[in-house]
Amino acid sequence: MNENHVYDMIIVGGGPGGYTSALYAARAGFDTIVLEKLSAGGQMSLTWQIDNYPGFENGIDGFSLAEKMQKQAEKFGAKSEYAEVFNMDLTGKLKRVETSSGIYIGKTVVIATGANPRELGLAKEKELIGHGVAYCASCDGGGCWWWKFCCIRCCSFKSNC
């Protein structure tokens, strides 16, 4: 990482929104980097079967779809870096993004941080993600139409779900 390098676009978040932004920016010739703290795809990468994404008539798992999105953006020149963002200064002409792997400077910052589910805190909840425990009603719940289940909470972005 070169702290003197100035990117045209820094994208915070490597989910579908982040990699779509990276794809368009890189294709337009912008020097682009995606900063993701865990893995490409964000929350989507935990989904075992996605049936509502165009172009995959038999569905696709979230991890594979995320990998395809990352590879497509990188094909056009976008770079990816696994780093957690701690602080941003977006006030000047050049934007400063402080991460676990150093400081990034860019002309533009796209914030595509997505969502974080609120977990229930149940025993073995983490082990069962993608195997009966789901946080996305339209992505995960659609494959479980035959189950008798209770939707405890399907939205993580509202304060009174």
N, C-alpha and C. Protein backbone atom coordinates (compact mmCIF):
# COMPACT_ATOMS: atom_id res chain seq x y z
N MET A 1 0.83 -1.18 0.00
CA MET A 1 0.00 0.00 0.00
C MET A 1 0.88 1.25 0.00
N ASN A 2 0.61 2.13 -0.92
CA ASN A 2 1.37 3.38 -1.05
C ASN A 2 0.51 4.53 -0.54
N GLU A 3 0.88 5.12 0.59
CA GLU A 3 0.07 6.19 1.19
C GLU A 3 0.13 7.48 0.39
N ASN A 4 1.02 7.58 -0.59
CA ASN A 4 1.10 8.77 -1.44
C ASN A 4 0.23 8.64 -2.68
N HIS A 5 -0.25 7.42 -2.94
CA HIS A 5 -1.09 7.18 -4.12
C HIS A 5 -2.47 7.82 -3.91
N VAL A 6 -2.97 8.50 -4.90
CA VAL A 6 -4.31 9.10 -4.83
C VAL A 6 -5.22 8.35 -5.80
N TYR A 7 -6.23 7.66 -5.25
CA TYR A 7 -7.20 6.93 -6.06
C TYR A 7 -8.26 7.89 -6.57
N ASP A 8 -8.79 7.60 -7.73
CA ASP A 8 -9.94 8.36 -8.21
C ASP A 8 -11.16 8.05 -7.35
N MET A 9 -11.30 6.76 -6.97
CA MET A 9 -12.46 6.35 -6.19
C MET A 9 -12.07 5.28 -5.17
N ILE A 10 -12.44 5.52 -3.93
CA ILE A 10 -12.30 4.52 -2.86
C ILE A 10 -13.71 4.07 -2.52
N ILE A 11 -13.92 2.78 -2.54
CA ILE A 11 -15.25 2.23 -2.21
C ILE A 11 -15.13 1.47 -0.90
N VAL A 12 -15.90 1.88 0.08
CA VAL A 12 -15.91 1.23 1.39
C VAL A 12 -17.08 0.24 1.40
N GLY A 13 -16.76 -1.04 1.34
CA GLY A 13 -17.78 -2.08 1.33
C GLY A 13 -17.68 -2.91 0.06
N GLY A 14 -17.49 -4.21 0.24
CA GLY A 14 -17.34 -5.11 -0.91
C GLY A 14 -18.54 -6.00 -1.15
N GLY A 15 -19.73 -5.47 -0.89
CA GLY A 15 -20.95 -6.22 -1.20
C GLY A 15 -21.39 -5.91 -2.62
N PRO A 16 -22.63 -6.26 -2.96
CA PRO A 16 -23.13 -6.02 -4.32
C PRO A 16 -23.09 -4.54 -4.72
N GLY A 17 -23.43 -3.64 -3.81
CA GLY A 17 -23.39 -2.21 -4.12
C GLY A 17 -21.97 -1.73 -4.36
N GLY A 18 -21.04 -2.19 -3.53
CA GLY A 18 -19.65 -1.80 -3.67
C GLY A 18 -19.03 -2.30 -4.96
N TYR A 19 -19.25 -3.57 -5.27
CA TYR A 19 -18.64 -4.11 -6.49
C TYR A 19 -19.34 -3.66 -7.76
N THR A 20 -20.60 -3.31 -7.67
CA THR A 20 -21.27 -2.70 -8.84
C THR A 20 -20.67 -1.32 -9.10
N SER A 21 -20.46 -0.55 -8.04
CA SER A 21 -19.81 0.75 -8.18
C SER A 21 -18.41 0.60 -8.75
N ALA A 22 -17.67 -0.37 -8.25
CA ALA A 22 -16.30 -0.61 -8.72
C ALA A 22 -16.28 -1.00 -10.19
N LEU A 23 -17.22 -1.82 -10.59
CA LEU A 23 -17.28 -2.25 -11.99
C LEU A 23 -17.49 -1.06 -12.91
N TYR A 24 -18.46 -0.23 -12.60
CA TYR A 24 -18.74 0.94 -13.45
C TYR A 24 -17.59 1.94 -13.43
N ALA A 25 -17.01 2.17 -12.26
CA ALA A 25 -15.90 3.13 -12.16
C ALA A 25 -14.68 2.63 -12.92
N ALA A 26 -14.33 1.37 -12.73
CA ALA A 26 -13.16 0.81 -13.40
C ALA A 26 -13.35 0.79 -14.92
N ARG A 27 -14.54 0.44 -15.37
CA ARG A 27 -14.81 0.44 -16.82
C ARG A 27 -14.71 1.83 -17.40
N ALA A 28 -14.99 2.84 -16.59
CA ALA A 28 -14.90 4.23 -17.05
C ALA A 28 -13.47 4.76 -16.97
N GLY A 29 -12.55 3.92 -16.51
CA GLY A 29 -11.15 4.31 -16.48
C GLY A 29 -10.69 4.94 -15.18
N PHE A 30 -11.51 4.90 -14.14
CA PHE A 30 -11.13 5.47 -12.85
C PHE A 30 -10.24 4.48 -12.08
N ASP A 31 -9.23 5.00 -11.42
CA ASP A 31 -8.36 4.21 -10.56
C ASP A 31 -9.16 3.94 -9.28
N THR A 32 -9.58 2.70 -9.10
CA THR A 32 -10.57 2.35 -8.09
C THR A 32 -10.07 1.26 -7.15
N ILE A 33 -10.38 1.41 -5.87
CA ILE A 33 -10.07 0.37 -4.90
C ILE A 33 -11.30 0.13 -4.02
N VAL A 34 -11.55 -1.15 -3.72
CA VAL A 34 -12.64 -1.56 -2.84
C VAL A 34 -12.01 -2.00 -1.52
N LEU A 35 -12.49 -1.44 -0.41
CA LEU A 35 -12.04 -1.83 0.92
C LEU A 35 -13.14 -2.63 1.59
N GLU A 36 -12.84 -3.87 1.94
CA GLU A 36 -13.81 -4.77 2.56
C GLU A 36 -13.15 -5.40 3.77
N LYS A 37 -13.85 -5.44 4.89
CA LYS A 37 -13.21 -5.95 6.11
C LYS A 37 -13.20 -7.47 6.22
N LEU A 38 -14.15 -8.17 5.58
CA LEU A 38 -14.19 -9.62 5.75
C LEU A 38 -13.94 -10.37 4.44
N SER A 39 -14.94 -10.40 3.59
CA SER A 39 -14.80 -11.08 2.30
C SER A 39 -15.75 -10.45 1.30
N ALA A 40 -15.47 -10.65 0.04
CA ALA A 40 -16.35 -10.10 -1.00
C ALA A 40 -17.77 -10.58 -0.77
N GLY A 41 -18.72 -9.70 -1.01
CA GLY A 41 -20.13 -10.07 -0.91
C GLY A 41 -20.82 -9.61 0.35
N GLY A 42 -20.06 -9.32 1.38
CA GLY A 42 -20.69 -8.90 2.62
C GLY A 42 -21.68 -9.94 3.12
N GLN A 43 -22.82 -9.48 3.57
CA GLN A 43 -23.84 -10.38 4.12
C GLN A 43 -24.32 -11.38 3.08
N MET A 44 -24.33 -10.98 1.80
CA MET A 44 -24.80 -11.88 0.74
C MET A 44 -23.99 -13.17 0.68
N SER A 45 -22.70 -13.09 1.01
CA SER A 45 -21.84 -14.27 0.90
C SER A 45 -22.23 -15.38 1.86
N LEU A 46 -23.05 -15.07 2.87
CA LEU A 46 -23.51 -16.09 3.82
C LEU A 46 -24.77 -16.80 3.35
N THR A 47 -25.35 -16.35 2.25
CA THR A 47 -26.61 -16.92 1.77
C THR A 47 -26.33 -18.17 0.95
N TRP A 48 -26.97 -19.26 1.32
CA TRP A 48 -26.67 -20.54 0.67
C TRP A 48 -27.29 -20.66 -0.72
N GLN A 49 -28.38 -19.98 -1.01
CA GLN A 49 -29.01 -20.08 -2.33
C GLN A 49 -29.73 -18.78 -2.64
N ILE A 50 -29.34 -18.15 -3.74
CA ILE A 50 -29.99 -16.92 -4.19
C ILE A 50 -30.71 -17.24 -5.49
N ASP A 51 -32.02 -17.12 -5.47
CA ASP A 51 -32.83 -17.44 -6.65
C ASP A 51 -33.41 -16.21 -7.31
N ASN A 52 -33.24 -15.03 -6.72
CA ASN A 52 -33.88 -13.84 -7.27
C ASN A 52 -32.87 -12.87 -7.87
N TYR A 53 -31.76 -13.40 -8.39
CA TYR A 53 -30.76 -12.57 -9.06
C TYR A 53 -30.75 -12.93 -10.54
N PRO A 54 -30.95 -11.96 -11.42
CA PRO A 54 -31.04 -12.26 -12.85
C PRO A 54 -29.78 -12.94 -13.40
N GLY A 55 -29.99 -13.83 -14.35
CA GLY A 55 -28.89 -14.48 -15.04
C GLY A 55 -28.50 -15.84 -14.49
N PHE A 56 -29.10 -16.25 -13.38
CA PHE A 56 -28.79 -17.53 -12.78
C PHE A 56 -30.10 -18.31 -12.62
N GLU A 57 -30.51 -18.95 -13.70
CA GLU A 57 -31.83 -19.62 -13.71
C GLU A 57 -31.94 -20.73 -12.69
N ASN A 58 -30.82 -21.31 -12.28
CA ASN A 58 -30.84 -22.36 -11.25
C ASN A 58 -30.40 -21.82 -9.89
N GLY A 59 -30.30 -20.51 -9.79
CA GLY A 59 -29.84 -19.90 -8.54
C GLY A 59 -28.33 -20.02 -8.41
N ILE A 60 -27.80 -19.40 -7.38
CA ILE A 60 -26.37 -19.41 -7.11
C ILE A 60 -26.18 -19.13 -5.63
N ASP A 61 -25.14 -19.71 -5.06
CA ASP A 61 -24.89 -19.40 -3.64
C ASP A 61 -24.25 -18.02 -3.54
N GLY A 62 -24.44 -17.38 -2.41
CA GLY A 62 -23.98 -16.01 -2.22
C GLY A 62 -22.48 -15.85 -2.33
N PHE A 63 -21.72 -16.81 -1.84
CA PHE A 63 -20.26 -16.72 -1.90
C PHE A 63 -19.79 -16.72 -3.35
N SER A 64 -20.34 -17.62 -4.16
CA SER A 64 -19.94 -17.70 -5.58
C SER A 64 -20.34 -16.45 -6.34
N LEU A 65 -21.52 -15.91 -6.07
CA LEU A 65 -21.96 -14.68 -6.73
C LEU A 65 -21.04 -13.52 -6.35
N ALA A 66 -20.69 -13.43 -5.08
CA ALA A 66 -19.79 -12.37 -4.62
C ALA A 66 -18.43 -12.49 -5.30
N GLU A 67 -17.93 -13.69 -5.41
CA GLU A 67 -16.64 -13.93 -6.07
C GLU A 67 -16.68 -13.49 -7.53
N LYS A 68 -17.79 -13.79 -8.20
CA LYS A 68 -17.95 -13.37 -9.61
C LYS A 68 -17.99 -11.85 -9.73
N MET A 69 -18.68 -11.19 -8.80
CA MET A 69 -18.75 -9.73 -8.82
C MET A 69 -17.36 -9.12 -8.64
N GLN A 70 -16.60 -9.68 -7.70
CA GLN A 70 -15.25 -9.17 -7.45
C GLN A 70 -14.37 -9.38 -8.67
N LYS A 71 -14.38 -10.57 -9.24
CA LYS A 71 -13.54 -10.88 -10.41
C LYS A 71 -13.89 -9.99 -11.60
N GLN A 72 -15.19 -9.72 -11.79
CA GLN A 72 -15.60 -8.89 -12.91
C GLN A 72 -15.09 -7.46 -12.74
N ALA A 73 -15.19 -6.91 -11.55
CA ALA A 73 -14.69 -5.55 -11.31
C ALA A 73 -13.17 -5.50 -11.47
N GLU A 74 -12.49 -6.53 -10.97
CA GLU A 74 -11.03 -6.57 -11.06
C GLU A 74 -10.57 -6.77 -12.51
N LYS A 75 -11.38 -7.45 -13.31
CA LYS A 75 -11.06 -7.63 -14.73
C LYS A 75 -10.87 -6.28 -15.43
N PHE A 76 -11.61 -5.28 -14.98
CA PHE A 76 -11.55 -3.95 -15.59
C PHE A 76 -10.59 -3.01 -14.84
N GLY A 77 -9.86 -3.55 -13.86
CA GLY A 77 -8.83 -2.77 -13.20
C GLY A 77 -9.08 -2.36 -11.77
N ALA A 78 -10.25 -2.63 -11.22
CA ALA A 78 -10.49 -2.31 -9.81
C ALA A 78 -9.58 -3.17 -8.93
N LYS A 79 -9.16 -2.62 -7.82
CA LYS A 79 -8.35 -3.36 -6.86
C LYS A 79 -9.20 -3.64 -5.63
N SER A 80 -8.86 -4.71 -4.92
CA SER A 80 -9.55 -5.06 -3.68
C SER A 80 -8.54 -5.17 -2.57
N GLU A 81 -8.92 -4.68 -1.41
CA GLU A 81 -8.05 -4.76 -0.24
C GLU A 81 -8.92 -5.14 0.96
N TYR A 82 -8.47 -6.15 1.71
CA TYR A 82 -9.19 -6.54 2.92
C TYR A 82 -8.65 -5.72 4.08
N ALA A 83 -9.45 -4.79 4.53
CA ALA A 83 -9.05 -3.89 5.60
C ALA A 83 -10.30 -3.33 6.26
N GLU A 84 -10.24 -3.14 7.56
CA GLU A 84 -11.35 -2.53 8.29
C GLU A 84 -11.14 -1.02 8.34
N VAL A 85 -12.17 -0.27 8.02
CA VAL A 85 -12.10 1.18 8.05
C VAL A 85 -12.39 1.66 9.47
N PHE A 86 -11.48 2.50 9.99
CA PHE A 86 -11.63 3.03 11.34
C PHE A 86 -12.10 4.47 11.36
N ASN A 87 -11.66 5.24 10.36
CA ASN A 87 -11.97 6.66 10.37
C ASN A 87 -11.91 7.20 8.94
N MET A 88 -12.72 8.22 8.67
CA MET A 88 -12.70 8.87 7.36
C MET A 88 -12.75 10.37 7.56
N ASP A 89 -11.99 11.09 6.75
CA ASP A 89 -12.08 12.54 6.68
C ASP A 89 -12.52 12.86 5.26
N LEU A 90 -13.76 13.27 5.12
CA LEU A 90 -14.35 13.51 3.80
C LEU A 90 -14.52 15.00 3.52
N THR A 91 -13.89 15.86 4.32
CA THR A 91 -14.13 17.29 4.21
C THR A 91 -13.31 18.00 3.15
N GLY A 92 -12.14 17.53 2.86
CA GLY A 92 -11.26 18.22 1.90
C GLY A 92 -11.48 17.78 0.48
N LYS A 93 -10.72 18.37 -0.43
CA LYS A 93 -10.78 17.98 -1.83
C LYS A 93 -10.32 16.52 -1.98
N LEU A 94 -9.27 16.17 -1.24
CA LEU A 94 -8.83 14.77 -1.18
C LEU A 94 -9.37 14.14 0.09
N LYS A 95 -9.96 12.98 -0.05
CA LYS A 95 -10.57 12.27 1.07
C LYS A 95 -9.55 11.30 1.67
N ARG A 96 -9.63 11.13 2.99
CA ARG A 96 -8.68 10.29 3.71
C ARG A 96 -9.44 9.17 4.41
N VAL A 97 -9.03 7.93 4.15
CA VAL A 97 -9.67 6.77 4.76
C VAL A 97 -8.62 6.00 5.54
N GLU A 98 -8.78 5.92 6.86
CA GLU A 98 -7.84 5.22 7.72
C GLU A 98 -8.36 3.81 7.97
N THR A 99 -7.48 2.83 7.72
CA THR A 99 -7.88 1.43 7.83
C THR A 99 -6.87 0.62 8.64
N SER A 100 -7.20 -0.64 8.84
CA SER A 100 -6.30 -1.55 9.55
C SER A 100 -5.04 -1.83 8.75
N SER A 101 -5.04 -1.54 7.45
CA SER A 101 -3.84 -1.78 6.64
C SER A 101 -3.16 -0.48 6.20
N GLY A 102 -3.60 0.64 6.72
CA GLY A 102 -2.95 1.91 6.39
C GLY A 102 -3.95 2.97 5.98
N ILE A 103 -3.43 4.04 5.41
CA ILE A 103 -4.25 5.19 5.01
C ILE A 103 -4.39 5.21 3.50
N TYR A 104 -5.61 5.44 3.03
CA TYR A 104 -5.90 5.56 1.60
C TYR A 104 -6.38 6.97 1.33
N ILE A 105 -5.94 7.53 0.22
CA ILE A 105 -6.32 8.87 -0.19
C ILE A 105 -7.05 8.76 -1.52
N GLY A 106 -8.17 9.47 -1.65
CA GLY A 106 -8.93 9.42 -2.88
C GLY A 106 -9.67 10.71 -3.16
N LYS A 107 -10.03 10.87 -4.42
CA LYS A 107 -10.79 12.04 -4.83
C LYS A 107 -12.27 11.88 -4.48
N THR A 108 -12.72 10.64 -4.46
CA THR A 108 -14.13 10.33 -4.18
C THR A 108 -14.20 9.11 -3.28
N VAL A 109 -15.17 9.10 -2.37
CA VAL A 109 -15.41 7.92 -1.54
C VAL A 109 -16.87 7.52 -1.69
N VAL A 110 -17.08 6.26 -2.01
CA VAL A 110 -18.43 5.68 -2.07
C VAL A 110 -18.58 4.82 -0.82
N ILE A 111 -19.62 5.08 -0.06
CA ILE A 111 -19.87 4.28 1.14
C ILE A 111 -20.98 3.29 0.81
N ALA A 112 -20.59 2.02 0.72
CA ALA A 112 -21.51 0.94 0.38
C ALA A 112 -21.37 -0.16 1.44
N THR A 113 -21.62 0.22 2.67
CA THR A 113 -21.36 -0.68 3.79
C THR A 113 -22.47 -1.69 4.06
N GLY A 114 -23.58 -1.59 3.37
CA GLY A 114 -24.61 -2.60 3.50
C GLY A 114 -25.25 -2.67 4.87
N ALA A 115 -25.63 -3.87 5.25
CA ALA A 115 -26.37 -4.08 6.49
C ALA A 115 -25.64 -5.08 7.37
N ASN A 116 -25.92 -5.00 8.65
CA ASN A 116 -25.45 -5.98 9.63
C ASN A 116 -26.67 -6.51 10.36
N PRO A 117 -26.88 -7.80 10.35
CA PRO A 117 -28.05 -8.32 11.05
C PRO A 117 -27.88 -8.23 12.57
N ARG A 118 -28.99 -8.03 13.24
CA ARG A 118 -28.97 -8.08 14.70
C ARG A 118 -29.25 -9.52 15.10
N GLU A 119 -28.28 -10.13 15.70
CA GLU A 119 -28.44 -11.53 16.09
C GLU A 119 -29.30 -11.62 17.36
N LEU A 120 -29.90 -12.78 17.54
CA LEU A 120 -30.78 -12.99 18.69
C LEU A 120 -30.02 -13.40 19.94
N GLY A 121 -28.81 -13.94 19.77
CA GLY A 121 -28.03 -14.39 20.91
C GLY A 121 -28.39 -15.79 21.37
N LEU A 122 -28.97 -16.58 20.48
CA LEU A 122 -29.36 -17.94 20.83
C LEU A 122 -28.17 -18.88 20.77
N ALA A 123 -28.25 -19.97 21.51
CA ALA A 123 -27.19 -20.99 21.49
C ALA A 123 -27.07 -21.54 20.07
N LYS A 124 -25.86 -21.67 19.58
CA LYS A 124 -25.53 -22.22 18.26
C LYS A 124 -26.07 -21.39 17.10
N GLU A 125 -26.49 -20.16 17.35
CA GLU A 125 -27.04 -19.32 16.28
C GLU A 125 -26.02 -19.13 15.16
N LYS A 126 -24.78 -18.82 15.49
CA LYS A 126 -23.74 -18.59 14.49
C LYS A 126 -23.49 -19.84 13.65
N GLU A 127 -23.49 -21.00 14.29
CA GLU A 127 -23.25 -22.27 13.57
C GLU A 127 -24.38 -22.57 12.57
N LEU A 128 -25.57 -22.10 12.86
CA LEU A 128 -26.73 -22.44 12.04
C LEU A 128 -27.06 -21.42 10.95
N ILE A 129 -26.23 -20.35 10.84
CA ILE A 129 -26.46 -19.38 9.77
C ILE A 129 -26.30 -20.09 8.43
N GLY A 130 -27.31 -19.97 7.60
CA GLY A 130 -27.32 -20.64 6.31
C GLY A 130 -27.83 -22.06 6.37
N HIS A 131 -28.13 -22.54 7.57
CA HIS A 131 -28.65 -23.90 7.76
C HIS A 131 -29.89 -23.85 8.63
N GLY A 132 -30.78 -22.92 8.32
CA GLY A 132 -32.00 -22.78 9.08
C GLY A 132 -32.14 -21.43 9.76
N VAL A 133 -31.03 -20.80 10.09
CA VAL A 133 -31.07 -19.45 10.64
C VAL A 133 -30.74 -18.49 9.50
N ALA A 134 -31.62 -17.53 9.26
CA ALA A 134 -31.44 -16.59 8.16
C ALA A 134 -31.81 -15.19 8.62
N TYR A 135 -31.19 -14.20 7.98
CA TYR A 135 -31.45 -12.80 8.32
C TYR A 135 -32.07 -12.04 7.16
N CYS A 136 -32.29 -12.68 6.06
CA CYS A 136 -32.84 -12.04 4.87
C CYS A 136 -34.08 -12.80 4.44
N ALA A 137 -35.25 -12.23 4.68
CA ALA A 137 -36.49 -12.93 4.40
C ALA A 137 -36.67 -13.25 2.92
N SER A 138 -36.33 -12.32 2.03
CA SER A 138 -36.55 -12.58 0.61
C SER A 138 -35.50 -13.51 0.03
N CYS A 139 -34.26 -13.48 0.55
CA CYS A 139 -33.21 -14.35 0.02
C CYS A 139 -33.27 -15.74 0.63
N ASP A 140 -33.30 -15.81 1.93
CA ASP A 140 -33.23 -17.09 2.61
C ASP A 140 -34.60 -17.71 2.86
N GLY A 141 -35.57 -16.88 3.16
CA GLY A 141 -36.90 -17.41 3.48
C GLY A 141 -37.60 -18.04 2.31
N GLY A 142 -37.29 -17.60 1.09
CA GLY A 142 -37.95 -18.14 -0.10
C GLY A 142 -37.67 -19.61 -0.30
N GLY A 143 -36.50 -20.09 0.09
CA GLY A 143 -36.16 -21.49 -0.08
C GLY A 143 -36.74 -22.36 1.02
N CYS A 144 -37.41 -21.77 1.98
CA CYS A 144 -37.92 -22.52 3.13
C CYS A 144 -39.44 -22.45 3.20
N TRP A 145 -40.09 -22.32 2.07
CA TRP A 145 -41.55 -22.14 2.05
C TRP A 145 -42.29 -23.32 2.64
N TRP A 146 -41.70 -24.48 2.64
CA TRP A 146 -42.37 -25.68 3.13
C TRP A 146 -42.20 -25.88 4.62
N TRP A 147 -41.35 -25.08 5.26
CA TRP A 147 -41.13 -25.21 6.70
C TRP A 147 -42.24 -24.51 7.47
N LYS A 148 -42.50 -25.01 8.65
CA LYS A 148 -43.30 -24.25 9.60
C LYS A 148 -42.29 -23.48 10.43
N PHE A 149 -42.30 -22.18 10.30
CA PHE A 149 -41.30 -21.40 11.01
C PHE A 149 -41.89 -20.09 11.50
N CYS A 150 -41.16 -19.46 12.34
CA CYS A 150 -41.56 -18.18 12.90
C CYS A 150 -40.51 -17.15 12.51
N CYS A 151 -40.94 -16.09 11.88
CA CYS A 151 -40.03 -14.99 11.53
C CYS A 151 -39.96 -14.07 12.73
N ILE A 152 -38.87 -14.15 13.46
CA ILE A 152 -38.72 -13.34 14.67
C ILE A 152 -38.39 -11.90 14.30
N ARG A 153 -37.46 -11.73 13.37
CA ARG A 153 -37.06 -10.39 12.97
C ARG A 153 -36.50 -10.49 11.56
N CYS A 154 -37.04 -9.70 10.65
CA CYS A 154 -36.56 -9.79 9.28
C CYS A 154 -35.88 -8.51 8.82
N CYS A 155 -35.83 -7.51 9.65
CA CYS A 155 -35.16 -6.30 9.23
C CYS A 155 -34.17 -5.86 10.29
N SER A 156 -32.97 -5.54 9.84
CA SER A 156 -31.93 -5.16 10.80
C SER A 156 -31.66 -3.67 10.80
N PHE A 157 -32.28 -2.95 9.88
CA PHE A 157 -31.94 -1.54 9.75
C PHE A 157 -32.94 -0.62 10.41
N LYS A 158 -34.03 -1.12 10.92
CA LYS A 158 -34.99 -0.29 11.63
C LYS A 158 -34.82 -0.52 13.12
N SER A 159 -35.08 0.51 13.88
CA SER A 159 -34.85 0.39 15.32
C SER A 159 -35.98 -0.34 16.04
N ASN A 160 -37.15 -0.43 15.45
CA ASN A 160 -38.29 -1.05 16.14
C ASN A 160 -38.85 -2.22 15.37
N CYS A 161 -38.01 -3.15 14.96
CA CYS A 161 -38.49 -4.31 14.17
C CYS A 161 -39.27 -5.25 15.06
